[in-house]
PDB file of N, CA and C in Angstrom:
ATOM      1  N   GLY A   1     -58.674 -49.843  51.420  1.00  0.00           N
ATOM      2  CA  GLY A   1     -57.507 -50.625  51.223  1.00  0.00           C
ATOM      3  C   GLY A   1     -57.743 -52.086  51.563  1.00  0.00           C
ATOM      4  N   SER A   2     -56.677 -52.804  51.703  1.00  0.00           N
ATOM      5  CA  SER A   2     -56.773 -54.240  51.924  1.00  0.00           C
ATOM      6  C   SER A   2     -57.324 -54.586  53.312  1.00  0.00           C
ATOM      7  N   LEU A   3     -57.087 -53.724  54.328  1.00  0.00           N
ATOM      8  CA  LEU A   3     -57.678 -53.973  55.647  1.00  0.00           C
ATOM      9  C   LEU A   3     -59.203 -53.912  55.562  1.00  0.00           C
ATOM     10  N   LYS A   4     -59.704 -52.909  54.874  1.00  0.00           N
ATOM     11  CA  LYS A   4     -61.150 -52.748  54.718  1.00  0.00           C
ATOM     12  C   LYS A   4     -61.750 -53.942  53.980  1.00  0.00           C
ATOM     13  N   LYS A   5     -61.116 -54.346  52.889  1.00  0.00           N
ATOM     14  CA  LYS A   5     -61.617 -55.486  52.118  1.00  0.00           C
ATOM     15  C   LYS A   5     -61.570 -56.772  52.937  1.00  0.00           C
ATOM     16  N   GLY A   6     -60.494 -56.937  53.714  1.00  0.00           N
ATOM     17  CA  GLY A   6     -60.366 -58.116  54.557  1.00  0.00           C
ATOM     18  C   GLY A   6     -61.470 -58.206  55.590  1.00  0.00           C
ATOM     19  N   LEU A   7     -61.769 -57.071  56.230  1.00  0.00           N
ATOM     20  CA  LEU A   7     -62.841 -57.049  57.237  1.00  0.00           C
ATOM     21  C   LEU A   7     -64.207 -57.267  56.597  1.00  0.00           C
ATOM     22  N   GLU A   8     -64.427 -56.628  55.461  1.00  0.00           N
ATOM     23  CA  GLU A   8     -65.719 -56.793  54.786  1.00  0.00           C
ATOM     24  C   GLU A   8     -65.934 -58.242  54.363  1.00  0.00           C
ATOM     25  N   SER A   9     -64.864 -58.933  53.960  1.00  0.00           N
ATOM     26  CA  SER A   9     -65.022 -60.329  53.552  1.00  0.00           C
ATOM     27  C   SER A   9     -65.417 -61.205  54.744  1.00  0.00           C
ATOM     28  N   VAL A  10     -64.922 -60.887  55.947  1.00  0.00           N
ATOM     29  CA  VAL A  10     -65.310 -61.639  57.144  1.00  0.00           C
ATOM     30  C   VAL A  10     -66.759 -61.350  57.493  1.00  0.00           C
ATOM     31  N   TYR A  11     -67.133 -60.089  57.545  1.00  0.00           N
ATOM     32  CA  TYR A  11     -68.481 -59.698  57.964  1.00  0.00           C
ATOM     33  C   TYR A  11     -69.551 -60.078  56.945  1.00  0.00           C
ATOM     34  N   GLN A  12     -69.150 -60.349  55.729  1.00  0.00           N
ATOM     35  CA  GLN A  12     -70.103 -60.697  54.672  1.00  0.00           C
ATOM     36  C   GLN A  12     -70.987 -61.879  55.085  1.00  0.00           C
ATOM     37  N   ALA A  13     -70.414 -62.807  55.834  1.00  0.00           N
ATOM     38  CA  ALA A  13     -71.171 -63.988  56.269  1.00  0.00           C
ATOM     39  C   ALA A  13     -72.109 -63.689  57.437  1.00  0.00           C
ATOM     40  N   TYR A  14     -71.950 -62.541  58.087  1.00  0.00           N
ATOM     41  CA  TYR A  14     -72.703 -62.238  59.305  1.00  0.00           C
ATOM     42  C   TYR A  14     -73.733 -61.123  59.133  1.00  0.00           C
ATOM     43  N   LEU A  15     -73.467 -60.191  58.242  1.00  0.00           N
ATOM     44  CA  LEU A  15     -74.352 -59.038  58.088  1.00  0.00           C
ATOM     45  C   LEU A  15     -75.343 -59.246  56.946  1.00  0.00           C
ATOM     46  N   PRO A  16     -76.496 -58.610  57.030  1.00  0.00           N
ATOM     47  CA  PRO A  16     -77.450 -58.684  55.924  1.00  0.00           C
ATOM     48  C   PRO A  16     -76.847 -58.083  54.654  1.00  0.00           C
ATOM     49  N   ARG A  17     -77.323 -58.539  53.518  1.00  0.00           N
ATOM     50  CA  ARG A  17     -76.848 -58.026  52.234  1.00  0.00           C
ATOM     51  C   ARG A  17     -76.998 -56.501  52.183  1.00  0.00           C
ATOM     52  N   GLY A  18     -75.966 -55.832  51.739  1.00  0.00           N
ATOM     53  CA  GLY A  18     -75.983 -54.376  51.623  1.00  0.00           C
ATOM     54  C   GLY A  18     -75.523 -53.647  52.872  1.00  0.00           C
ATOM     55  N   ALA A  19     -75.388 -54.374  53.992  1.00  0.00           N
ATOM     56  CA  ALA A  19     -74.924 -53.755  55.237  1.00  0.00           C
ATOM     57  C   ALA A  19     -73.397 -53.775  55.265  1.00  0.00           C
ATOM     58  N   HIS A  20     -72.829 -52.802  55.936  1.00  0.00           N
ATOM     59  CA  HIS A  20     -71.386 -52.695  56.042  1.00  0.00           C
ATOM     60  C   HIS A  20     -70.991 -52.620  57.513  1.00  0.00           C
ATOM     61  N   PRO A  21     -69.888 -53.256  57.867  1.00  0.00           N
ATOM     62  CA  PRO A  21     -69.466 -53.222  59.274  1.00  0.00           C
ATOM     63  C   PRO A  21     -68.867 -51.874  59.651  1.00  0.00           C
ATOM     64  N   PHE A  22     -68.985 -51.523  60.922  1.00  0.00           N
ATOM     65  CA  PHE A  22     -68.276 -50.374  61.471  1.00  0.00           C
ATOM     66  C   PHE A  22     -67.264 -50.939  62.448  1.00  0.00           C
ATOM     67  N   VAL A  23     -66.007 -50.659  62.222  1.00  0.00           N
ATOM     68  CA  VAL A  23     -64.949 -51.195  63.062  1.00  0.00           C
ATOM     69  C   VAL A  23     -64.019 -50.066  63.459  1.00  0.00           C
ATOM     70  N   TYR A  24     -63.748 -49.956  64.752  1.00  0.00           N
ATOM     71  CA  TYR A  24     -62.715 -49.047  65.240  1.00  0.00           C
ATOM     72  C   TYR A  24     -61.482 -49.908  65.458  1.00  0.00           C
ATOM     73  N   LEU A  25     -60.424 -49.582  64.770  1.00  0.00           N
ATOM     74  CA  LEU A  25     -59.210 -50.379  64.833  1.00  0.00           C
ATOM     75  C   LEU A  25     -58.032 -49.461  65.117  1.00  0.00           C
ATOM     76  N   ALA A  26     -57.355 -49.711  66.227  1.00  0.00           N
ATOM     77  CA  ALA A  26     -56.149 -48.952  66.576  1.00  0.00           C
ATOM     78  C   ALA A  26     -54.962 -49.898  66.465  1.00  0.00           C
ATOM     79  N   ILE A  27     -54.018 -49.549  65.635  1.00  0.00           N
ATOM     80  CA  ILE A  27     -52.850 -50.395  65.405  1.00  0.00           C
ATOM     81  C   ILE A  27     -51.608 -49.644  65.856  1.00  0.00           C
ATOM     82  N   THR A  28     -50.810 -50.287  66.690  1.00  0.00           N
ATOM     83  CA  THR A  28     -49.517 -49.732  67.077  1.00  0.00           C
ATOM     84  C   THR A  28     -48.468 -50.450  66.250  1.00  0.00           C
ATOM     85  N   ILE A  29     -47.723 -49.697  65.466  1.00  0.00           N
ATOM     86  CA  ILE A  29     -46.746 -50.292  64.560  1.00  0.00           C
ATOM     87  C   ILE A  29     -45.525 -49.377  64.471  1.00  0.00           C
ATOM     88  N   HIS A  30     -44.377 -49.959  64.307  1.00  0.00           N
ATOM     89  CA  HIS A  30     -43.143 -49.183  64.204  1.00  0.00           C
ATOM     90  C   HIS A  30     -43.219 -48.301  62.953  1.00  0.00           C
ATOM     91  N   PRO A  31     -42.890 -47.026  63.078  1.00  0.00           N
ATOM     92  CA  PRO A  31     -42.990 -46.096  61.940  1.00  0.00           C
ATOM     93  C   PRO A  31     -42.224 -46.548  60.696  1.00  0.00           C
ATOM     94  N   GLN A  32     -41.153 -47.294  60.870  1.00  0.00           N
ATOM     95  CA  GLN A  32     -40.394 -47.763  59.712  1.00  0.00           C
ATOM     96  C   GLN A  32     -41.185 -48.771  58.874  1.00  0.00           C
ATOM     97  N   HIS A  33     -42.258 -49.328  59.443  1.00  0.00           N
ATOM     98  CA  HIS A  33     -43.058 -50.322  58.736  1.00  0.00           C
ATOM     99  C   HIS A  33     -44.296 -49.707  58.091  1.00  0.00           C
ATOM    100  N   VAL A  34     -44.346 -48.388  58.035  1.00  0.00           N
ATOM    101  CA  VAL A  34     -45.486 -47.680  57.458  1.00  0.00           C
ATOM    102  C   VAL A  34     -45.025 -46.854  56.265  1.00  0.00           C
ATOM    103  N   ASP A  35     -45.709 -47.007  55.147  1.00  0.00           N
ATOM    104  CA  ASP A  35     -45.431 -46.206  53.958  1.00  0.00           C
ATOM    105  C   ASP A  35     -46.542 -45.173  53.824  1.00  0.00           C
ATOM    106  N   VAL A  36     -46.209 -43.918  54.091  1.00  0.00           N
ATOM    107  CA  VAL A  36     -47.206 -42.848  54.029  1.00  0.00           C
ATOM    108  C   VAL A  36     -47.248 -42.177  52.660  1.00  0.00           C
ATOM    109  N   ASN A  37     -46.415 -42.610  51.754  1.00  0.00           N
ATOM    110  CA  ASN A  37     -46.339 -41.988  50.429  1.00  0.00           C
ATOM    111  C   ASN A  37     -47.205 -42.718  49.403  1.00  0.00           C
ATOM    112  N   VAL A  38     -48.383 -43.122  49.821  1.00  0.00           N
ATOM    113  CA  VAL A  38     -49.306 -43.835  48.946  1.00  0.00           C
ATOM    114  C   VAL A  38     -50.308 -42.868  48.335  1.00  0.00           C
ATOM    115  N   HIS A  39     -50.785 -41.927  49.116  1.00  0.00           N
ATOM    116  CA  HIS A  39     -51.830 -40.992  48.688  1.00  0.00           C
ATOM    117  C   HIS A  39     -51.359 -39.575  48.996  1.00  0.00           C
ATOM    118  N   PRO A  40     -51.562 -38.645  48.066  1.00  0.00           N
ATOM    119  CA  PRO A  40     -51.058 -37.270  48.280  1.00  0.00           C
ATOM    120  C   PRO A  40     -51.597 -36.591  49.542  1.00  0.00           C
ATOM    121  N   THR A  41     -52.817 -36.917  49.959  1.00  0.00           N
ATOM    122  CA  THR A  41     -53.394 -36.285  51.145  1.00  0.00           C
ATOM    123  C   THR A  41     -53.155 -37.114  52.404  1.00  0.00           C
ATOM    124  N   LYS A  42     -52.417 -38.214  52.272  1.00  0.00           N
ATOM    125  CA  LYS A  42     -52.080 -39.104  53.401  1.00  0.00           C
ATOM    126  C   LYS A  42     -53.325 -39.780  53.985  1.00  0.00           C
ATOM    127  N   ARG A  43     -54.384 -39.894  53.190  1.00  0.00           N
ATOM    128  CA  ARG A  43     -55.611 -40.561  53.654  1.00  0.00           C
ATOM    129  C   ARG A  43     -55.476 -42.070  53.625  1.00  0.00           C
ATOM    130  N   GLU A  44     -54.432 -42.560  53.001  1.00  0.00           N
ATOM    131  CA  GLU A  44     -54.200 -43.992  52.907  1.00  0.00           C
ATOM    132  C   GLU A  44     -52.728 -44.265  53.153  1.00  0.00           C
ATOM    133  N   VAL A  45     -52.454 -45.300  53.898  1.00  0.00           N
ATOM    134  CA  VAL A  45     -51.077 -45.723  54.151  1.00  0.00           C
ATOM    135  C   VAL A  45     -50.985 -47.228  53.881  1.00  0.00           C
ATOM    136  N   ARG A  46     -49.775 -47.706  53.731  1.00  0.00           N
ATOM    137  CA  ARG A  46     -49.533 -49.143  53.555  1.00  0.00           C
ATOM    138  C   ARG A  46     -48.594 -49.610  54.651  1.00  0.00           C
ATOM    139  N   PHE A  47     -48.734 -50.880  55.022  1.00  0.00           N
ATOM    140  CA  PHE A  47     -47.900 -51.460  56.065  1.00  0.00           C
ATOM    141  C   PHE A  47     -46.998 -52.533  55.464  1.00  0.00           C
ATOM    142  N   MET A  48     -45.763 -52.608  55.958  1.00  0.00           N
ATOM    143  CA  MET A  48     -44.885 -53.707  55.587  1.00  0.00           C
ATOM    144  C   MET A  48     -45.519 -54.986  56.143  1.00  0.00           C
ATOM    145  N   GLY A  49     -45.596 -56.020  55.330  1.00  0.00           N
ATOM    146  CA  GLY A  49     -46.226 -57.262  55.768  1.00  0.00           C
ATOM    147  C   GLY A  49     -47.730 -57.130  55.895  1.00  0.00           C
ATOM    148  N   GLU A  50     -48.323 -56.271  55.084  1.00  0.00           N
ATOM    149  CA  GLU A  50     -49.757 -55.985  55.192  1.00  0.00           C
ATOM    150  C   GLU A  50     -50.617 -57.233  55.010  1.00  0.00           C
ATOM    151  N   ASP A  51     -50.203 -58.143  54.146  1.00  0.00           N
ATOM    152  CA  ASP A  51     -50.976 -59.370  53.936  1.00  0.00           C
ATOM    153  C   ASP A  51     -51.067 -60.192  55.222  1.00  0.00           C
ATOM    154  N   LEU A  52     -49.960 -60.258  55.968  1.00  0.00           N
ATOM    155  CA  LEU A  52     -49.960 -60.995  57.238  1.00  0.00           C
ATOM    156  C   LEU A  52     -50.863 -60.304  58.261  1.00  0.00           C
ATOM    157  N   LEU A  53     -50.832 -58.979  58.275  1.00  0.00           N
ATOM    158  CA  LEU A  53     -51.678 -58.211  59.186  1.00  0.00           C
ATOM    159  C   LEU A  53     -53.151 -58.453  58.874  1.00  0.00           C
ATOM    160  N   VAL A  54     -53.509 -58.415  57.595  1.00  0.00           N
ATOM    161  CA  VAL A  54     -54.900 -58.634  57.192  1.00  0.00           C
ATOM    162  C   VAL A  54     -55.339 -60.045  57.568  1.00  0.00           C
ATOM    163  N   GLU A  55     -54.495 -61.021  57.317  1.00  0.00           N
ATOM    164  CA  GLU A  55     -54.838 -62.407  57.643  1.00  0.00           C
ATOM    165  C   GLU A  55     -55.041 -62.594  59.151  1.00  0.00           C
ATOM    166  N   ALA A  56     -54.149 -62.018  59.944  1.00  0.00           N
ATOM    167  CA  ALA A  56     -54.280 -62.123  61.405  1.00  0.00           C
ATOM    168  C   ALA A  56     -55.548 -61.425  61.883  1.00  0.00           C
ATOM    169  N   LEU A  57     -55.834 -60.260  61.335  1.00  0.00           N
ATOM    170  CA  LEU A  57     -57.045 -59.519  61.700  1.00  0.00           C
ATOM    171  C   LEU A  57     -58.288 -60.329  61.354  1.00  0.00           C
ATOM    172  N   GLN A  58     -58.300 -60.932  60.184  1.00  0.00           N
ATOM    173  CA  GLN A  58     -59.446 -61.749  59.787  1.00  0.00           C
ATOM    174  C   GLN A  58     -59.649 -62.917  60.753  1.00  0.00           C
ATOM    175  N   GLN A  59     -58.569 -63.558  61.165  1.00  0.00           N
ATOM    176  CA  GLN A  59     -58.672 -64.690  62.088  1.00  0.00           C
ATOM    177  C   GLN A  59     -59.225 -64.245  63.440  1.00  0.00           C
ATOM    178  N   VAL A  60     -58.739 -63.114  63.940  1.00  0.00           N
ATOM    179  CA  VAL A  60     -59.210 -62.614  65.240  1.00  0.00           C
ATOM    180  C   VAL A  60     -60.693 -62.254  65.170  1.00  0.00           C
ATOM    181  N   VAL A  61     -61.084 -61.514  64.150  1.00  0.00           N
ATOM    182  CA  VAL A  61     -62.479 -61.078  64.023  1.00  0.00           C
ATOM    183  C   VAL A  61     -63.393 -62.279  63.800  1.00  0.00           C
ATOM    184  N   THR A  62     -62.968 -63.226  62.972  1.00  0.00           N
ATOM    185  CA  THR A  62     -63.769 -64.431  62.742  1.00  0.00           C
ATOM    186  C   THR A  62     -63.968 -65.188  64.050  1.00  0.00           C
ATOM    187  N   GLY A  63     -62.910 -65.323  64.848  1.00  0.00           N
ATOM    188  CA  GLY A  63     -63.016 -65.999  66.141  1.00  0.00           C
ATOM    189  C   GLY A  63     -64.000 -65.318  67.068  1.00  0.00           C
ATOM    190  N   ILE A  64     -63.960 -63.997  67.100  1.00  0.00           N
ATOM    191  CA  ILE A  64     -64.880 -63.236  67.953  1.00  0.00           C
ATOM    192  C   ILE A  64     -66.322 -63.414  67.477  1.00  0.00           C
ATOM    193  N   LEU A  65     -66.540 -63.313  66.176  1.00  0.00           N
ATOM    194  CA  LEU A  65     -67.892 -63.441  65.639  1.00  0.00           C
ATOM    195  C   LEU A  65     -68.418 -64.869  65.783  1.00  0.00           C
ATOM    196  N   ASP A  66     -67.536 -65.854  65.639  1.00  0.00           N
ATOM    197  CA  ASP A  66     -67.965 -67.243  65.808  1.00  0.00           C
ATOM    198  C   ASP A  66     -68.414 -67.528  67.233  1.00  0.00           C
ATOM    199  N   LYS A  67     -67.819 -66.842  68.214  1.00  0.00           N
ATOM    200  CA  LYS A  67     -68.236 -67.013  69.609  1.00  0.00           C
ATOM    201  C   LYS A  67     -69.686 -66.585  69.810  1.00  0.00           C
ATOM    202  N   GLU A  68     -70.132 -65.665  68.975  1.00  0.00           N
ATOM    203  CA  GLU A  68     -71.505 -65.186  69.077  1.00  0.00           C
ATOM    204  C   GLU A  68     -72.492 -66.217  68.552  1.00  0.00           C
ATOM    205  N   GLY A  69     -71.996 -67.280  67.936  1.00  0.00           N
ATOM    206  CA  GLY A  69     -72.861 -68.367  67.484  1.00  0.00           C
ATOM    207  C   GLY A  69     -73.697 -68.043  66.264  1.00  0.00           C
ATOM    208  N   GLY A  70     -73.311 -67.036  65.500  1.00  0.00           N
ATOM    209  CA  GLY A  70     -74.065 -66.714  64.301  1.00  0.00           C
ATOM    210  C   GLY A  70     -75.436 -66.146  64.574  1.00  0.00           C
ATOM    211  N   SER A  71     -75.656 -65.603  65.774  1.00  0.00           N
ATOM    212  CA  SER A  71     -76.982 -65.117  66.153  1.00  0.00           C
ATOM    213  C   SER A  71     -77.372 -63.850  65.405  1.00  0.00           C
ATOM    214  N   ARG A  72     -76.396 -63.198  64.814  1.00  0.00           N
ATOM    215  CA  ARG A  72     -76.623 -61.917  64.120  1.00  0.00           C
ATOM    216  C   ARG A  72     -77.184 -60.853  65.052  1.00  0.00           C
ATOM    217  N   THR A  73     -76.913 -60.988  66.323  1.00  0.00           N
ATOM    218  CA  THR A  73     -77.279 -59.975  67.298  1.00  0.00           C
ATOM    219  C   THR A  73     -76.028 -59.190  67.626  1.00  0.00           C
ATOM    220  N   PHE A  74     -76.068 -57.891  67.427  1.00  0.00           N
ATOM    221  CA  PHE A  74     -74.900 -57.070  67.635  1.00  0.00           C
ATOM    222  C   PHE A  74     -75.217 -55.965  68.628  1.00  0.00           C
ATOM    223  N   THR A  75     -74.237 -55.615  69.411  1.00  0.00           N
ATOM    224  CA  THR A  75     -74.377 -54.536  70.366  1.00  0.00           C
ATOM    225  C   THR A  75     -74.165 -53.219  69.641  1.00  0.00           C
ATOM    226  N   THR A  76     -75.045 -52.271  69.884  1.00  0.00           N
ATOM    227  CA  THR A  76     -74.885 -50.946  69.293  1.00  0.00           C
ATOM    228  C   THR A  76     -74.876 -49.917  70.407  1.00  0.00           C
ATOM    229  N   GLN A  77     -74.321 -48.778  70.112  1.00  0.00           N
ATOM    230  CA  GLN A  77     -74.281 -47.699  71.089  1.00  0.00           C
ATOM    231  C   GLN A  77     -74.627 -46.416  70.362  1.00  0.00           C
ATOM    232  N   LYS A  78     -75.584 -45.691  70.902  1.00  0.00           N
ATOM    233  CA  LYS A  78     -75.976 -44.420  70.305  1.00  0.00           C
ATOM    234  C   LYS A  78     -75.271 -43.281  71.012  1.00  0.00           C
ATOM    235  N   LEU A  79     -74.944 -42.250  70.247  1.00  0.00           N
ATOM    236  CA  LEU A  79     -74.364 -41.050  70.850  1.00  0.00           C
ATOM    237  C   LEU A  79     -75.468 -40.269  71.547  1.00  0.00           C
ATOM    238  N   LEU A  80     -75.171 -39.724  72.693  1.00  0.00           N
ATOM    239  CA  LEU A  80     -76.123 -38.868  73.386  1.00  0.00           C
ATOM    240  C   LEU A  80     -76.230 -37.545  72.662  1.00  0.00           C
ATOM    241  N   PHE A  81     -77.365 -36.887  72.821  1.00  0.00           N
ATOM    242  CA  PHE A  81     -77.570 -35.594  72.178  1.00  0.00           C
ATOM    243  C   PHE A  81     -76.434 -34.648  72.550  1.00  0.00           C
ATOM    244  N   GLY A  82     -75.814 -34.048  71.563  1.00  0.00           N
ATOM    245  CA  GLY A  82     -74.734 -33.093  71.797  1.00  0.00           C
ATOM    246  C   GLY A  82     -73.361 -33.722  71.911  1.00  0.00           C
ATOM    247  N   ALA A  83     -73.293 -35.058  71.972  1.00  0.00           N
ATOM    248  CA  ALA A  83     -71.987 -35.725  72.073  1.00  0.00           C
ATOM    249  C   ALA A  83     -71.363 -35.817  70.691  1.00  0.00           C
ATOM    250  N   THR A  84     -70.058 -35.937  70.661  1.00  0.00           N
ATOM    251  CA  THR A  84     -69.366 -36.109  69.392  1.00  0.00           C
ATOM    252  C   THR A  84     -68.545 -37.381  69.435  1.00  0.00           C
ATOM    253  N   ALA A  85     -68.398 -38.001  68.291  1.00  0.00           N
ATOM    254  CA  ALA A  85     -67.566 -39.202  68.194  1.00  0.00           C
ATOM    255  C   ALA A  85     -66.121 -38.748  68.022  1.00  0.00           C
ATOM    256  N   THR A  86     -65.234 -39.307  68.829  1.00  0.00           N
ATOM    257  CA  THR A  86     -63.826 -38.951  68.718  1.00  0.00           C
ATOM    258  C   THR A  86     -63.008 -40.213  68.600  1.00  0.00           C
ATOM    259  N   GLY A  87     -61.889 -40.106  67.912  1.00  0.00           N
ATOM    260  CA  GLY A  87     -60.999 -41.249  67.763  1.00  0.00           C
ATOM    261  C   GLY A  87     -60.064 -41.335  68.939  1.00  0.00           C
ATOM    262  N   GLY A  88     -59.634 -42.538  69.231  1.00  0.00           N
ATOM    263  CA  GLY A  88     -58.672 -42.760  70.298  1.00  0.00           C
ATOM    264  C   GLY A  88     -57.272 -42.738  69.750  1.00  0.00           C
ATOM    265  N   THR A  89     -56.324 -42.942  70.621  1.00  0.00           N
ATOM    266  CA  THR A  89     -54.940 -43.014  70.201  1.00  0.00           C
ATOM    267  C   THR A  89     -54.327 -44.272  70.754  1.00  0.00           C
ATOM    268  N   GLY A  90     -53.331 -44.760  70.080  1.00  0.00           N
ATOM    269  CA  GLY A  90     -52.620 -45.939  70.565  1.00  0.00           C
ATOM    270  C   GLY A  90     -53.447 -47.193  70.409  1.00  0.00           C
ATOM    271  N   GLY A  91     -53.076 -48.240  71.102  1.00  0.00           N
ATOM    272  CA  GLY A  91     -53.798 -49.485  71.040  1.00  0.00           C
ATOM    273  C   GLY A  91     -52.885 -50.613  70.616  1.00  0.00           C
ATOM    274  N   THR A  92     -53.430 -51.788  70.618  1.00  0.00           N
ATOM    275  CA  THR A  92     -52.656 -52.958  70.236  1.00  0.00           C
ATOM    276  C   THR A  92     -53.462 -53.793  69.266  1.00  0.00           C
ATOM    277  N   PHE A  93     -52.761 -54.685  68.583  1.00  0.00           N
ATOM    278  CA  PHE A  93     -53.414 -55.585  67.662  1.00  0.00           C
ATOM    279  C   PHE A  93     -53.464 -56.961  68.281  1.00  0.00           C
ATOM    280  N   GLY A  94     -54.588 -57.582  68.289  1.00  0.00           N
ATOM    281  CA  GLY A  94     -54.707 -58.921  68.850  1.00  0.00           C
ATOM    282  C   GLY A  94     -56.094 -59.156  69.347  1.00  0.00           C
ATOM    283  N   PRO A  95     -56.324 -60.293  69.953  1.00  0.00           N
ATOM    284  CA  PRO A  95     -57.667 -60.624  70.446  1.00  0.00           C
ATOM    285  C   PRO A  95     -58.164 -59.608  71.458  1.00  0.00           C
ATOM    286  N   VAL A  96     -59.442 -59.366  71.426  1.00  0.00           N
ATOM    287  CA  VAL A  96     -60.056 -58.426  72.352  1.00  0.00           C
ATOM    288  C   VAL A  96     -60.350 -59.106  73.649  1.00  0.00           C
TER     289      VAL A  96
END
């Protein structure tokens, strides 16, 4: 969706060609501002004011990446043997 495209457009300047960013994003939003009737399996949702959300997200991520000075050095974390990746719940939108 538009969040994915927005993030990819920011990371395009930082990642090598063909690489894609991995972002964990938890958004807390009032249920009335979410449209879940976009995809039959509910794999995609839309947000009221989604353009503003994407723009704000791009500004925050760009600010964070600019602090790194364009070094293209990124922190990675490997899962330990037998560990599983799990999603979190809740969260807020804004600067980290």
